[in-house]
Amino acid sequence: MRSIEILQWVATICLVCAVMHTFLVKQLQHIANKFPQGSIAENFFHLLGEVEVVFGLWASVFLVSFSFIEGNTAAISYL
């Protein structure tokens, strides 16, 4: 498999994960409320439950994967 095909699969997987993560935001916020106020777990689940964070998180996963597959120069150029 060529690196471009692998990169397309990684992009597709990241997009699917981002969409699924979007639908889980409410449940993640609910989980965050079960932990004590200010705890690491509460902050972590609260962060994952923010809609604004979802696509940024998965975009960064894609860019890190991109840099491993194609190299840092190609990833920075793509960005």
Protein backbone atom coordinates (compact mmCIF):
# COMPACT_ATOMS: atom_id res chain seq x y z
CA MET A 1 0.00 0.00 0.00
CA ARG A 2 1.35 3.42 -0.93
CA SER A 3 1.81 6.10 1.71
CA ILE A 4 -0.90 8.26 0.10
CA GLU A 5 -3.45 5.44 0.46
CA ILE A 6 -2.42 4.91 4.09
CA LEU A 7 -2.78 8.64 4.71
CA GLN A 8 -6.28 8.59 3.20
CA TRP A 9 -7.26 5.71 5.48
CA VAL A 10 -5.88 7.56 8.50
CA ALA A 11 -7.83 10.69 7.50
CA THR A 12 -11.03 8.67 7.10
CA ILE A 13 -10.58 6.98 10.47
CA CYS A 14 -9.90 10.33 12.17
CA LEU A 15 -13.02 11.84 10.61
CA VAL A 16 -15.19 8.90 11.68
CA CYS A 17 -13.77 9.10 15.22
CA ALA A 18 -14.43 12.85 15.33
CA VAL A 19 -18.05 12.39 14.25
CA MET A 20 -18.61 9.60 16.78
CA HIS A 21 -16.90 11.69 19.47
CA THR A 22 -19.28 14.55 18.65
CA PHE A 23 -22.26 12.34 19.42
CA LEU A 24 -20.69 11.26 22.74
CA VAL A 25 -20.13 14.80 24.07
CA LYS A 26 -23.22 14.82 26.28
CA GLN A 27 -22.30 11.48 27.84
CA LEU A 28 -18.73 12.68 28.49
CA GLN A 29 -20.07 15.76 30.26
CA HIS A 30 -22.30 13.50 32.36
CA ILE A 31 -19.29 11.33 33.29
CA ALA A 32 -17.32 14.46 34.23
CA ASN A 33 -20.04 15.44 36.71
CA LYS A 34 -19.60 12.15 38.58
CA PHE A 35 -16.07 13.09 39.72
CA PRO A 36 -15.18 15.57 42.47
CA GLN A 37 -15.03 19.22 41.38
CA GLY A 38 -11.51 20.16 40.25
CA SER A 39 -10.16 16.60 40.05
CA ILE A 40 -8.00 15.50 37.15
CA ALA A 41 -10.63 13.03 35.94
CA GLU A 42 -13.37 15.69 36.05
CA ASN A 43 -11.22 18.13 34.09
CA PHE A 44 -10.21 15.45 31.56
CA PHE A 45 -13.78 14.34 30.82
CA HIS A 46 -14.97 17.93 30.79
CA LEU A 47 -12.30 18.74 28.18
CA LEU A 48 -13.28 15.73 26.06
CA GLY A 49 -16.91 16.79 26.40
CA GLU A 50 -16.38 20.20 24.83
CA VAL A 51 -17.69 20.32 21.27
CA GLU A 52 -15.08 22.90 20.31
CA VAL A 53 -12.27 20.51 21.27
CA VAL A 54 -13.49 17.47 19.32
CA PHE A 55 -12.37 18.31 15.79
CA GLY A 56 -9.20 20.06 16.97
CA LEU A 57 -8.23 16.95 18.89
CA TRP A 58 -8.80 14.63 15.95
CA ALA A 59 -7.15 17.07 13.52
CA SER A 60 -4.04 17.04 15.70
CA VAL A 61 -4.10 13.22 15.73
CA PHE A 62 -4.26 13.34 11.93
CA LEU A 63 -1.38 15.83 11.67
CA VAL A 64 0.83 13.74 13.96
CA SER A 65 0.01 10.66 11.88
CA PHE A 66 0.69 12.66 8.72
CA SER A 67 4.13 13.65 9.99
CA PHE A 68 4.99 10.00 10.78
CA ILE A 69 3.85 8.82 7.35
CA GLU A 70 5.08 11.63 5.08
CA GLY A 71 7.58 13.48 7.26
CA ASN A 72 7.57 16.75 9.16
CA THR A 73 8.16 18.95 6.12
CA ALA A 74 5.15 17.54 4.26
CA ALA A 75 2.94 17.85 7.35
CA ILE A 76 3.94 21.49 7.93
CA SER A 77 3.43 22.24 4.25
CA TYR A 78 -0.01 20.61 4.42
CA LEU A 79 -0.91 22.61 7.51
